[in-house]
Amino acid sequence: MPLSNIEIIHRDDALLVVNKPTLLLSVPGRAEDNRDCLVTRLQENGYPEARIVHRLDWETSGLIVLARDADSHRELSRQFHDRETEKTYTALCWGEPEADSGRIELPLRYDPPTKPRHVVDQQQGRHALTFWRVLERCNRFSRIELTPITGRSHQLRVHMLAIGHPLLGDRLYAHGEALAAAERLCLHASLLVLGHPRSGERLRFESPAPF
């Protein structure tokens, strides 16, 4: 499992920031044939101490940070838990939203009958909040900026579906035309801001979307 197309954006004694490609798990799956993932590739290619702090979906690409020691892992995990980090995603969605920006505040839960899908559920769902902004209107689709305030599984994908604008290439949630409009899920973690776990310095990383 070589590093191959995993780009290391930043590296120091405390952390790694890498650009995860699409179609790569963040951590190993339960099945033995799902062992190939971002953290395993790093651990087997020069970074045996690498520890996952947060995750991106298998199909989502973009910026992800890993800790290189226990103290850094603890501090970075705290920052994510306390929402002291900033995360912004770039996506392509079907259609053109009427407004130029907005917020989506809809509770989400896992839906076992349609696993691994998640659904909006006003009674049993967990609070989820997303801000969105149109970057470019392209007739049949739009380029948008998504800022998740909470970190629920599939949050951005389900929230955009809920307002009638599924993400292009989304095999779980897009309708036929939106699915056929792109060869991959058009969702990329393009901005990550966090405090260095040792110095406290505010670090900002950017990665342009590959679509």
N, C-alpha and C. Protein backbone atom coordinates (compact mmCIF):
# COMPACT_ATOMS: atom_id res chain seq x y z
N MET A 1 0.83 -1.20 0.00
CA MET A 1 0.00 0.00 0.00
C MET A 1 0.87 1.25 0.00
N PRO A 2 1.34 1.66 -1.16
CA PRO A 2 2.23 2.84 -1.23
C PRO A 2 1.48 4.13 -0.95
N LEU A 3 2.25 5.19 -0.67
CA LEU A 3 1.62 6.50 -0.50
C LEU A 3 0.99 6.96 -1.80
N SER A 4 1.59 6.58 -2.91
CA SER A 4 1.14 6.91 -4.26
C SER A 4 0.70 8.36 -4.38
N ASN A 5 -0.59 8.61 -4.54
CA ASN A 5 -1.04 9.96 -4.85
C ASN A 5 -1.49 10.74 -3.62
N ILE A 6 -0.99 10.38 -2.44
CA ILE A 6 -1.32 11.15 -1.23
C ILE A 6 -0.31 12.29 -1.07
N GLU A 7 -0.77 13.49 -1.21
CA GLU A 7 0.10 14.67 -1.12
C GLU A 7 0.21 15.13 0.33
N ILE A 8 1.43 15.24 0.82
CA ILE A 8 1.66 15.76 2.17
C ILE A 8 1.78 17.28 2.07
N ILE A 9 0.83 17.99 2.65
CA ILE A 9 0.76 19.45 2.58
C ILE A 9 1.69 20.08 3.61
N HIS A 10 1.74 19.49 4.81
CA HIS A 10 2.54 20.05 5.91
C HIS A 10 3.00 18.90 6.80
N ARG A 11 4.22 19.05 7.32
CA ARG A 11 4.78 18.00 8.18
C ARG A 11 5.68 18.65 9.20
N ASP A 12 5.45 18.34 10.50
CA ASP A 12 6.39 18.73 11.54
C ASP A 12 6.37 17.64 12.61
N ASP A 13 7.02 17.86 13.72
CA ASP A 13 7.14 16.80 14.72
C ASP A 13 5.82 16.44 15.39
N ALA A 14 4.84 17.34 15.31
CA ALA A 14 3.58 17.12 16.02
C ALA A 14 2.44 16.63 15.14
N LEU A 15 2.47 16.99 13.87
CA LEU A 15 1.31 16.67 13.02
C LEU A 15 1.67 16.54 11.55
N LEU A 16 0.75 15.93 10.82
CA LEU A 16 0.80 15.84 9.37
C LEU A 16 -0.52 16.38 8.82
N VAL A 17 -0.46 17.15 7.75
CA VAL A 17 -1.66 17.55 7.03
C VAL A 17 -1.50 17.01 5.62
N VAL A 18 -2.44 16.19 5.20
CA VAL A 18 -2.33 15.57 3.88
C VAL A 18 -3.59 15.84 3.08
N ASN A 19 -3.47 15.61 1.78
CA ASN A 19 -4.57 15.78 0.84
C ASN A 19 -5.08 14.39 0.48
N LYS A 20 -6.16 13.95 1.12
CA LYS A 20 -6.67 12.60 0.88
C LYS A 20 -7.33 12.51 -0.49
N PRO A 21 -6.97 11.51 -1.30
CA PRO A 21 -7.65 11.34 -2.58
C PRO A 21 -9.03 10.73 -2.40
N THR A 22 -9.87 10.87 -3.39
CA THR A 22 -11.16 10.23 -3.36
C THR A 22 -11.00 8.71 -3.45
N LEU A 23 -11.98 7.97 -3.00
CA LEU A 23 -12.00 6.50 -3.02
C LEU A 23 -10.91 5.88 -2.16
N LEU A 24 -10.62 6.54 -1.03
CA LEU A 24 -9.69 5.99 -0.05
C LEU A 24 -10.29 6.21 1.34
N LEU A 25 -10.42 5.14 2.12
CA LEU A 25 -10.92 5.25 3.48
C LEU A 25 -9.95 6.07 4.34
N SER A 26 -10.48 6.73 5.35
CA SER A 26 -9.62 7.43 6.31
C SER A 26 -8.98 6.44 7.28
N VAL A 27 -9.77 5.46 7.73
CA VAL A 27 -9.32 4.43 8.68
C VAL A 27 -9.74 3.08 8.14
N PRO A 28 -9.16 1.98 8.64
CA PRO A 28 -9.53 0.66 8.12
C PRO A 28 -11.00 0.35 8.33
N GLY A 29 -11.59 -0.35 7.35
CA GLY A 29 -12.95 -0.84 7.50
C GLY A 29 -12.97 -2.11 8.32
N ARG A 30 -14.16 -2.61 8.62
CA ARG A 30 -14.28 -3.80 9.45
C ARG A 30 -13.81 -5.06 8.72
N ALA A 31 -14.08 -5.15 7.44
CA ALA A 31 -13.68 -6.34 6.67
C ALA A 31 -12.18 -6.31 6.39
N GLU A 32 -11.59 -7.50 6.30
CA GLU A 32 -10.15 -7.60 6.07
C GLU A 32 -9.72 -6.96 4.76
N ASP A 33 -10.59 -7.05 3.74
CA ASP A 33 -10.24 -6.48 2.44
C ASP A 33 -10.44 -4.96 2.40
N ASN A 34 -10.85 -4.36 3.52
CA ASN A 34 -10.98 -2.90 3.61
C ASN A 34 -9.88 -2.29 4.48
N ARG A 35 -8.76 -2.99 4.58
CA ARG A 35 -7.68 -2.50 5.43
C ARG A 35 -6.96 -1.31 4.79
N ASP A 36 -6.93 -1.26 3.49
CA ASP A 36 -6.24 -0.16 2.81
C ASP A 36 -6.94 1.16 3.13
N CYS A 37 -6.18 2.11 3.68
CA CYS A 37 -6.76 3.39 4.06
C CYS A 37 -5.64 4.41 4.22
N LEU A 38 -6.03 5.64 4.46
CA LEU A 38 -5.06 6.73 4.59
C LEU A 38 -4.09 6.50 5.74
N VAL A 39 -4.60 6.22 6.94
CA VAL A 39 -3.72 6.10 8.10
C VAL A 39 -2.79 4.89 7.97
N THR A 40 -3.26 3.78 7.40
CA THR A 40 -2.41 2.61 7.22
C THR A 40 -1.30 2.90 6.23
N ARG A 41 -1.61 3.57 5.16
CA ARG A 41 -0.57 3.90 4.17
C ARG A 41 0.51 4.78 4.78
N LEU A 42 0.10 5.74 5.59
CA LEU A 42 1.08 6.61 6.23
C LEU A 42 1.91 5.82 7.24
N GLN A 43 1.26 4.98 8.03
CA GLN A 43 1.98 4.21 9.05
C GLN A 43 2.99 3.24 8.44
N GLU A 44 2.69 2.73 7.26
CA GLU A 44 3.56 1.75 6.62
C GLU A 44 4.59 2.39 5.69
N ASN A 45 4.56 3.71 5.59
CA ASN A 45 5.49 4.39 4.69
C ASN A 45 6.16 5.58 5.37
N GLY A 46 6.73 5.34 6.53
CA GLY A 46 7.56 6.35 7.17
C GLY A 46 6.96 7.08 8.34
N TYR A 47 5.66 6.86 8.62
CA TYR A 47 5.01 7.58 9.72
C TYR A 47 4.26 6.59 10.61
N PRO A 48 4.98 5.65 11.25
CA PRO A 48 4.32 4.61 12.05
C PRO A 48 3.53 5.16 13.23
N GLU A 49 3.85 6.39 13.63
CA GLU A 49 3.19 7.00 14.79
C GLU A 49 1.92 7.76 14.43
N ALA A 50 1.59 7.85 13.16
CA ALA A 50 0.45 8.67 12.71
C ALA A 50 -0.86 8.20 13.35
N ARG A 51 -1.63 9.16 13.88
CA ARG A 51 -2.90 8.86 14.54
C ARG A 51 -4.00 9.72 13.93
N ILE A 52 -5.11 9.09 13.63
CA ILE A 52 -6.22 9.82 13.01
C ILE A 52 -6.86 10.75 14.04
N VAL A 53 -7.23 11.95 13.62
CA VAL A 53 -7.89 12.93 14.50
C VAL A 53 -9.35 13.11 14.09
N HIS A 54 -9.59 13.20 12.79
CA HIS A 54 -10.95 13.31 12.26
C HIS A 54 -10.98 12.54 10.95
N ARG A 55 -12.14 12.42 10.33
CA ARG A 55 -12.26 11.58 9.15
C ARG A 55 -12.95 12.31 8.01
N LEU A 56 -12.67 11.85 6.80
CA LEU A 56 -13.42 12.25 5.62
C LEU A 56 -14.04 10.98 5.05
N ASP A 57 -15.23 11.11 4.45
CA ASP A 57 -15.86 9.96 3.81
C ASP A 57 -14.95 9.37 2.74
N TRP A 58 -15.17 8.11 2.44
CA TRP A 58 -14.41 7.37 1.42
C TRP A 58 -14.32 8.14 0.10
N GLU A 59 -15.43 8.71 -0.33
CA GLU A 59 -15.47 9.39 -1.63
C GLU A 59 -15.05 10.86 -1.56
N THR A 60 -14.99 11.42 -0.37
CA THR A 60 -14.62 12.83 -0.21
C THR A 60 -13.10 12.97 -0.23
N SER A 61 -12.63 13.96 -0.95
CA SER A 61 -11.18 14.22 -1.00
C SER A 61 -10.87 15.47 -0.18
N GLY A 62 -9.57 15.72 0.01
CA GLY A 62 -9.18 16.99 0.62
C GLY A 62 -8.37 16.89 1.89
N LEU A 63 -8.33 18.00 2.61
CA LEU A 63 -7.42 18.18 3.74
C LEU A 63 -7.85 17.42 4.98
N ILE A 64 -6.88 16.73 5.57
CA ILE A 64 -7.12 15.99 6.80
C ILE A 64 -5.84 16.04 7.63
N VAL A 65 -5.98 16.19 8.96
CA VAL A 65 -4.80 16.31 9.83
C VAL A 65 -4.66 15.02 10.65
N LEU A 66 -3.43 14.59 10.85
CA LEU A 66 -3.11 13.44 11.70
C LEU A 66 -2.07 13.87 12.72
N ALA A 67 -2.19 13.35 13.93
CA ALA A 67 -1.24 13.66 15.00
C ALA A 67 -0.07 12.68 14.96
N ARG A 68 1.08 13.11 15.51
CA ARG A 68 2.26 12.25 15.51
C ARG A 68 2.71 11.84 16.91
N ASP A 69 1.95 12.23 17.94
CA ASP A 69 2.23 11.77 19.30
C ASP A 69 0.95 11.90 20.11
N ALA A 70 0.94 11.27 21.29
CA ALA A 70 -0.28 11.21 22.10
C ALA A 70 -0.77 12.58 22.54
N ASP A 71 0.15 13.44 22.98
CA ASP A 71 -0.26 14.77 23.45
C ASP A 71 -0.86 15.61 22.32
N SER A 72 -0.24 15.55 21.14
CA SER A 72 -0.77 16.29 19.99
C SER A 72 -2.13 15.75 19.59
N HIS A 73 -2.29 14.42 19.63
CA HIS A 73 -3.57 13.82 19.29
C HIS A 73 -4.66 14.29 20.26
N ARG A 74 -4.32 14.34 21.53
CA ARG A 74 -5.29 14.76 22.54
C ARG A 74 -5.71 16.22 22.32
N GLU A 75 -4.75 17.09 22.05
CA GLU A 75 -5.04 18.50 21.86
C GLU A 75 -5.82 18.76 20.57
N LEU A 76 -5.41 18.12 19.48
CA LEU A 76 -6.14 18.30 18.22
C LEU A 76 -7.56 17.76 18.32
N SER A 77 -7.71 16.62 18.96
CA SER A 77 -9.05 16.05 19.15
C SER A 77 -9.92 16.99 19.97
N ARG A 78 -9.34 17.63 20.97
CA ARG A 78 -10.09 18.59 21.78
C ARG A 78 -10.55 19.77 20.94
N GLN A 79 -9.67 20.26 20.06
CA GLN A 79 -10.04 21.39 19.22
C GLN A 79 -11.23 21.05 18.32
N PHE A 80 -11.22 19.85 17.75
CA PHE A 80 -12.35 19.45 16.91
C PHE A 80 -13.61 19.30 17.76
N HIS A 81 -13.49 18.70 18.92
CA HIS A 81 -14.64 18.50 19.80
C HIS A 81 -15.24 19.83 20.24
N ASP A 82 -14.37 20.79 20.55
CA ASP A 82 -14.83 22.10 21.03
C ASP A 82 -15.11 23.09 19.90
N ARG A 83 -15.02 22.61 18.67
CA ARG A 83 -15.31 23.40 17.47
C ARG A 83 -14.43 24.64 17.37
N GLU A 84 -13.17 24.45 17.69
CA GLU A 84 -12.21 25.55 17.56
C GLU A 84 -11.51 25.53 16.21
N THR A 85 -11.74 24.49 15.44
CA THR A 85 -11.16 24.41 14.10
C THR A 85 -12.13 25.05 13.10
N GLU A 86 -11.62 25.35 11.92
CA GLU A 86 -12.46 25.83 10.82
C GLU A 86 -12.29 24.88 9.66
N LYS A 87 -13.42 24.44 9.10
CA LYS A 87 -13.40 23.53 7.95
C LYS A 87 -14.34 24.06 6.88
N THR A 88 -13.85 24.13 5.67
CA THR A 88 -14.67 24.57 4.55
C THR A 88 -14.50 23.58 3.41
N TYR A 89 -15.61 23.26 2.76
CA TYR A 89 -15.61 22.33 1.65
C TYR A 89 -16.05 23.04 0.37
N THR A 90 -15.54 22.57 -0.76
CA THR A 90 -16.01 23.01 -2.06
C THR A 90 -16.78 21.85 -2.67
N ALA A 91 -17.92 22.15 -3.29
CA ALA A 91 -18.75 21.09 -3.86
C ALA A 91 -19.44 21.60 -5.13
N LEU A 92 -19.89 20.65 -5.93
CA LEU A 92 -20.76 20.95 -7.06
C LEU A 92 -22.12 20.34 -6.74
N CYS A 93 -23.17 21.15 -6.84
CA CYS A 93 -24.51 20.65 -6.55
C CYS A 93 -25.40 20.79 -7.78
N TRP A 94 -26.40 19.96 -7.85
CA TRP A 94 -27.34 20.00 -8.97
C TRP A 94 -28.24 21.23 -8.88
N GLY A 95 -28.40 21.91 -10.01
CA GLY A 95 -29.28 23.06 -10.07
C GLY A 95 -28.66 24.33 -9.53
N GLU A 96 -29.47 25.36 -9.44
CA GLU A 96 -29.03 26.66 -8.93
C GLU A 96 -29.92 27.10 -7.78
N PRO A 97 -29.37 27.22 -6.58
CA PRO A 97 -30.18 27.71 -5.45
C PRO A 97 -30.71 29.11 -5.74
N GLU A 98 -31.91 29.39 -5.25
CA GLU A 98 -32.51 30.71 -5.49
C GLU A 98 -31.70 31.80 -4.82
N ALA A 99 -31.29 31.59 -3.59
CA ALA A 99 -30.50 32.58 -2.86
C ALA A 99 -29.02 32.38 -3.13
N ASP A 100 -28.21 33.36 -2.72
CA ASP A 100 -26.77 33.25 -2.89
C ASP A 100 -26.09 32.58 -1.71
N SER A 101 -26.79 32.49 -0.59
CA SER A 101 -26.22 31.84 0.60
C SER A 101 -27.36 31.47 1.53
N GLY A 102 -27.04 30.67 2.53
CA GLY A 102 -28.07 30.29 3.49
C GLY A 102 -27.55 29.34 4.54
N ARG A 103 -28.46 28.86 5.37
CA ARG A 103 -28.12 27.91 6.42
C ARG A 103 -29.11 26.76 6.37
N ILE A 104 -28.62 25.59 6.72
CA ILE A 104 -29.47 24.40 6.79
C ILE A 104 -29.32 23.84 8.19
N GLU A 105 -30.42 23.82 8.92
CA GLU A 105 -30.39 23.32 10.28
C GLU A 105 -31.44 22.22 10.39
N LEU A 106 -31.03 21.00 10.07
CA LEU A 106 -31.92 19.85 10.06
C LEU A 106 -31.25 18.69 10.80
N PRO A 107 -31.94 18.06 11.75
CA PRO A 107 -31.35 16.97 12.53
C PRO A 107 -31.20 15.70 11.68
N LEU A 108 -30.14 14.97 11.91
CA LEU A 108 -29.82 13.80 11.09
C LEU A 108 -29.64 12.55 11.96
N ARG A 109 -29.95 11.40 11.37
CA ARG A 109 -29.68 10.12 12.02
C ARG A 109 -29.32 9.08 10.97
N TYR A 110 -28.63 8.05 11.42
CA TYR A 110 -28.32 6.90 10.58
C TYR A 110 -29.60 6.13 10.30
N ASP A 111 -29.74 5.59 9.08
CA ASP A 111 -30.96 4.88 8.69
C ASP A 111 -30.63 3.43 8.35
N PRO A 112 -30.67 2.52 9.33
CA PRO A 112 -30.28 1.12 9.09
C PRO A 112 -30.93 0.45 7.89
N PRO A 113 -32.24 0.66 7.62
CA PRO A 113 -32.85 -0.02 6.47
C PRO A 113 -32.22 0.35 5.12
N THR A 114 -31.61 1.52 5.04
CA THR A 114 -30.99 1.95 3.77
C THR A 114 -29.50 2.20 3.95
N LYS A 115 -28.87 1.48 4.90
CA LYS A 115 -27.46 1.71 5.21
C LYS A 115 -26.61 1.70 3.95
N PRO A 116 -25.57 2.56 3.88
CA PRO A 116 -25.07 3.44 4.95
C PRO A 116 -25.65 4.86 4.91
N ARG A 117 -26.85 4.99 4.37
CA ARG A 117 -27.45 6.32 4.23
C ARG A 117 -27.85 6.91 5.58
N HIS A 118 -27.93 8.24 5.62
CA HIS A 118 -28.46 8.97 6.75
C HIS A 118 -29.67 9.77 6.27
N VAL A 119 -30.55 10.12 7.19
CA VAL A 119 -31.78 10.82 6.82
C VAL A 119 -32.06 11.95 7.80
N VAL A 120 -32.88 12.89 7.36
CA VAL A 120 -33.38 13.94 8.24
C VAL A 120 -34.49 13.35 9.11
N ASP A 121 -34.42 13.57 10.40
CA ASP A 121 -35.43 13.06 11.32
C ASP A 121 -35.63 14.10 12.43
N GLN A 122 -36.77 14.77 12.39
CA GLN A 122 -37.04 15.86 13.33
C GLN A 122 -37.21 15.36 14.77
N GLN A 123 -37.59 14.09 14.95
CA GLN A 123 -37.80 13.56 16.29
C GLN A 123 -36.54 12.90 16.87
N GLN A 124 -35.90 12.04 16.10
CA GLN A 124 -34.80 11.24 16.62
C GLN A 124 -33.42 11.68 16.12
N GLY A 125 -33.37 12.61 15.21
CA GLY A 125 -32.09 13.03 14.64
C GLY A 125 -31.26 13.88 15.60
N ARG A 126 -29.96 13.93 15.35
CA ARG A 126 -29.06 14.77 16.13
C ARG A 126 -28.90 16.12 15.44
N HIS A 127 -28.77 17.16 16.24
CA HIS A 127 -28.66 18.52 15.69
C HIS A 127 -27.52 18.61 14.68
N ALA A 128 -27.80 19.27 13.56
CA ALA A 128 -26.79 19.45 12.51
C ALA A 128 -27.01 20.80 11.84
N LEU A 129 -25.92 21.53 11.64
CA LEU A 129 -26.00 22.88 11.07
C LEU A 129 -24.92 23.06 10.01
N THR A 130 -25.35 23.53 8.84
CA THR A 130 -24.45 23.79 7.71
C THR A 130 -24.73 25.17 7.14
N PHE A 131 -23.68 25.93 6.85
CA PHE A 131 -23.81 27.18 6.09
C PHE A 131 -23.34 26.93 4.67
N TRP A 132 -24.00 27.55 3.69
CA TRP A 132 -23.61 27.37 2.30
C TRP A 132 -23.59 28.72 1.58
N ARG A 133 -22.78 28.75 0.53
CA ARG A 133 -22.65 29.99 -0.27
C ARG A 133 -22.34 29.62 -1.71
N VAL A 134 -23.04 30.24 -2.64
CA VAL A 134 -22.81 29.97 -4.07
C VAL A 134 -21.54 30.70 -4.51
N LEU A 135 -20.64 29.95 -5.12
CA LEU A 135 -19.41 30.53 -5.67
C LEU A 135 -19.54 30.81 -7.16
N GLU A 136 -20.30 29.95 -7.85
CA GLU A 136 -20.43 30.09 -9.30
C GLU A 136 -21.70 29.37 -9.75
N ARG A 137 -22.44 29.99 -10.64
CA ARG A 137 -23.64 29.37 -11.21
C ARG A 137 -23.33 28.90 -12.63
N CYS A 138 -23.58 27.63 -12.88
CA CYS A 138 -23.19 27.02 -14.15
C CYS A 138 -24.38 26.40 -14.87
N ASN A 139 -25.53 27.04 -14.80
CA ASN A 139 -26.76 26.61 -15.45
C ASN A 139 -27.32 25.35 -14.80
N ARG A 140 -26.87 24.17 -15.19
CA ARG A 140 -27.44 22.92 -14.65
C ARG A 140 -26.89 22.58 -13.27
N PHE A 141 -25.78 23.18 -12.90
CA PHE A 141 -25.21 22.92 -11.58
C PHE A 141 -24.55 24.18 -11.04
N SER A 142 -24.16 24.15 -9.77
CA SER A 142 -23.53 25.31 -9.12
C SER A 142 -22.32 24.85 -8.31
N ARG A 143 -21.33 25.72 -8.26
CA ARG A 143 -20.18 25.49 -7.39
C ARG A 143 -20.48 26.22 -6.08
N ILE A 144 -20.39 25.49 -4.97
CA ILE A 144 -20.76 26.06 -3.70
C ILE A 144 -19.68 25.84 -2.65
N GLU A 145 -19.71 26.69 -1.64
CA GLU A 145 -18.84 26.57 -0.47
C GLU A 145 -19.72 26.11 0.69
N LEU A 146 -19.27 25.06 1.37
CA LEU A 146 -20.04 24.49 2.47
C LEU A 146 -19.22 24.57 3.76
N THR A 147 -19.84 25.07 4.81
CA THR A 147 -19.17 25.17 6.11
C THR A 147 -19.99 24.42 7.15
N PRO A 148 -19.54 23.24 7.54
CA PRO A 148 -20.29 22.50 8.58
C PRO A 148 -19.93 23.02 9.96
N ILE A 149 -20.94 23.34 10.75
CA ILE A 149 -20.71 23.77 12.13
C ILE A 149 -20.67 22.54 13.04
N THR A 150 -21.53 21.59 12.77
CA THR A 150 -21.47 20.29 13.43
C THR A 150 -20.77 19.31 12.49
N GLY A 151 -20.50 18.12 12.98
CA GLY A 151 -19.74 17.15 12.18
C GLY A 151 -20.43 15.81 12.06
N ARG A 152 -21.69 15.79 11.67
CA ARG A 152 -22.43 14.54 11.53
C ARG A 152 -22.02 13.79 10.27
N SER A 153 -22.13 12.48 10.31
CA SER A 153 -21.82 11.66 9.14
C SER A 153 -22.73 12.04 7.97
N HIS A 154 -22.13 12.22 6.81
CA HIS A 154 -22.85 12.55 5.57
C HIS A 154 -23.62 13.86 5.67
N GLN A 155 -23.26 14.70 6.62
CA GLN A 155 -24.05 15.92 6.87
C GLN A 155 -24.21 16.79 5.63
N LEU A 156 -23.12 17.11 4.97
CA LEU A 156 -23.19 18.03 3.83
C LEU A 156 -24.01 17.43 2.69
N ARG A 157 -23.84 16.14 2.47
CA ARG A 157 -24.54 15.47 1.38
C ARG A 157 -26.05 15.42 1.64
N VAL A 158 -26.44 15.07 2.86
CA VAL A 158 -27.86 14.97 3.18
C VAL A 158 -28.51 16.35 3.28
N HIS A 159 -27.81 17.32 3.82
CA HIS A 159 -28.36 18.66 3.91
C HIS A 159 -28.61 19.26 2.53
N MET A 160 -27.67 19.10 1.62
CA MET A 160 -27.88 19.65 0.27
C MET A 160 -29.00 18.90 -0.45
N LEU A 161 -29.09 17.60 -0.24
CA LEU A 161 -30.21 16.85 -0.81
C LEU A 161 -31.54 17.37 -0.27
N ALA A 162 -31.57 17.69 1.02
CA ALA A 162 -32.81 18.12 1.68
C ALA A 162 -33.35 19.43 1.12
N ILE A 163 -32.47 20.28 0.60
CA ILE A 163 -32.95 21.55 0.02
C ILE A 163 -33.07 21.45 -1.50
N GLY A 164 -32.98 20.22 -2.03
CA GLY A 164 -33.23 20.01 -3.45
C GLY A 164 -32.04 20.15 -4.35
N HIS A 165 -30.83 20.13 -3.80
CA HIS A 165 -29.63 20.31 -4.61
C HIS A 165 -28.57 19.25 -4.26
N PRO A 166 -28.82 17.98 -4.62
CA PRO A 166 -27.85 16.92 -4.30
C PRO A 166 -26.51 17.18 -4.96
N LEU A 167 -25.46 16.64 -4.36
CA LEU A 167 -24.12 16.82 -4.91
C LEU A 167 -23.93 15.94 -6.14
N LEU A 168 -23.20 16.46 -7.09
CA LEU A 168 -22.94 15.71 -8.32
C LEU A 168 -22.09 14.47 -8.00
N GLY A 169 -22.41 13.37 -8.68
CA GLY A 169 -21.63 12.15 -8.54
C GLY A 169 -21.83 11.42 -7.23
N ASP A 170 -22.87 11.77 -6.47
CA ASP A 170 -23.10 11.15 -5.16
C ASP A 170 -23.89 9.85 -5.34
N ARG A 171 -23.20 8.73 -5.18
CA ARG A 171 -23.82 7.43 -5.42
C ARG A 171 -24.87 7.06 -4.40
N LEU A 172 -24.84 7.70 -3.24
CA LEU A 172 -25.81 7.38 -2.19
C LEU A 172 -27.06 8.25 -2.25
N TYR A 173 -26.91 9.50 -2.65
CA TYR A 173 -28.02 10.43 -2.49
C TYR A 173 -28.48 11.13 -3.78
N ALA A 174 -27.68 11.15 -4.81
CA ALA A 174 -28.04 11.92 -6.01
C ALA A 174 -29.05 11.17 -6.87
N HIS A 175 -29.93 11.91 -7.52
CA HIS A 175 -30.83 11.31 -8.51
C HIS A 175 -30.05 11.05 -9.80
N GLY A 176 -30.70 10.42 -10.75
CA GLY A 176 -30.02 9.95 -11.95
C GLY A 176 -29.19 10.99 -12.68
N GLU A 177 -29.78 12.16 -12.94
CA GLU A 177 -29.07 13.20 -13.70
C GLU A 177 -27.87 13.73 -12.91
N ALA A 178 -28.05 13.98 -11.61
CA ALA A 178 -26.95 14.49 -10.80
C ALA A 178 -25.84 13.46 -10.65
N LEU A 179 -26.22 12.19 -10.57
CA LEU A 179 -25.22 11.13 -10.47
C LEU A 179 -24.41 11.02 -11.75
N ALA A 180 -25.07 11.11 -12.87
CA ALA A 180 -24.39 10.97 -14.16
C ALA A 180 -23.58 12.20 -14.54
N ALA A 181 -23.77 13.29 -13.85
CA ALA A 181 -23.12 14.56 -14.21
C ALA A 181 -21.63 14.59 -13.84
N ALA A 182 -21.16 13.66 -13.01
CA ALA A 182 -19.75 13.65 -12.60
C ALA A 182 -19.31 12.20 -12.33
N GLU A 183 -18.03 11.92 -12.57
CA GLU A 183 -17.51 10.57 -12.38
C GLU A 183 -17.20 10.27 -10.92
N ARG A 184 -17.17 11.28 -10.06
CA ARG A 184 -16.86 11.11 -8.64
C ARG A 184 -17.77 12.00 -7.82
N LEU A 185 -17.82 11.77 -6.52
CA LEU A 185 -18.52 12.68 -5.63
C LEU A 185 -17.79 14.02 -5.63
N CYS A 186 -18.50 15.07 -5.97
CA CYS A 186 -17.87 16.39 -6.06
C CYS A 186 -17.95 17.10 -4.71
N LEU A 187 -17.12 16.61 -3.78
CA LEU A 187 -17.02 17.18 -2.44
C LEU A 187 -15.57 17.11 -2.01
N HIS A 188 -15.00 18.27 -1.67
CA HIS A 188 -13.56 18.37 -1.38
C HIS A 188 -13.33 19.28 -0.19
N ALA A 189 -12.60 18.79 0.80
CA ALA A 189 -12.24 19.60 1.97
C ALA A 189 -11.13 20.56 1.56
N SER A 190 -11.49 21.81 1.33
CA SER A 190 -10.58 22.76 0.69
C SER A 190 -9.89 23.72 1.66
N LEU A 191 -10.40 23.83 2.89
CA LEU A 191 -9.80 24.74 3.87
C LEU A 191 -9.83 24.09 5.25
N LEU A 192 -8.69 24.17 5.95
CA LEU A 192 -8.60 23.66 7.32
C LEU A 192 -7.78 24.64 8.14
N VAL A 193 -8.34 25.12 9.23
CA VAL A 193 -7.65 26.04 10.13
C VAL A 193 -7.68 25.45 11.53
N LEU A 194 -6.51 25.40 12.18
CA LEU A 194 -6.43 24.82 13.52
C LEU A 194 -5.27 25.43 14.27
N GLY A 195 -5.24 25.19 15.58
CA GLY A 195 -4.13 25.66 16.39
C GLY A 195 -3.07 24.59 16.49
N HIS A 196 -1.80 24.98 16.34
CA HIS A 196 -0.74 23.98 16.47
C HIS A 196 -0.80 23.41 17.89
N PRO A 197 -0.76 22.07 18.02
CA PRO A 197 -0.96 21.46 19.35
C PRO A 197 0.12 21.77 20.37
N ARG A 198 1.28 22.26 19.93
CA ARG A 198 2.35 22.59 20.87
C ARG A 198 2.50 24.10 21.06
N SER A 199 2.58 24.83 19.97
CA SER A 199 2.85 26.27 20.07
C SER A 199 1.57 27.10 20.20
N GLY A 200 0.44 26.54 19.75
CA GLY A 200 -0.80 27.30 19.75
C GLY A 200 -0.95 28.20 18.53
N GLU A 201 0.09 28.28 17.69
CA GLU A 201 0.03 29.11 16.48
C GLU A 201 -1.14 28.67 15.61
N ARG A 202 -1.86 29.66 15.08
CA ARG A 202 -2.99 29.35 14.20
C ARG A 202 -2.46 28.99 12.82
N LEU A 203 -2.80 27.80 12.35
CA LEU A 203 -2.33 27.31 11.06
C LEU A 203 -3.49 27.26 10.08
N ARG A 204 -3.22 27.66 8.85
CA ARG A 204 -4.25 27.69 7.81
C ARG A 204 -3.74 26.92 6.59
N PHE A 205 -4.53 25.96 6.13
CA PHE A 205 -4.14 25.15 4.97
C PHE A 205 -5.27 25.21 3.94
N GLU A 206 -4.87 25.29 2.67
CA GLU A 206 -5.84 25.35 1.58
C GLU A 206 -5.48 24.34 0.50
N SER A 207 -6.50 23.79 -0.15
CA SER A 207 -6.33 22.83 -1.24
C SER A 207 -7.43 23.06 -2.25
N PRO A 208 -7.10 23.47 -3.47
CA PRO A 208 -8.14 23.70 -4.47
C PRO A 208 -8.84 22.41 -4.86
N ALA A 209 -10.12 22.50 -5.13
CA ALA A 209 -10.89 21.31 -5.53
C ALA A 209 -10.41 20.81 -6.89
N PRO A 210 -10.31 19.49 -7.07
CA PRO A 210 -9.83 18.92 -8.34
C PRO A 210 -10.95 18.78 -9.38
N PHE A 211 -12.07 19.42 -9.17
CA PHE A 211 -13.18 19.36 -10.13
C PHE A 211 -13.73 20.75 -10.38
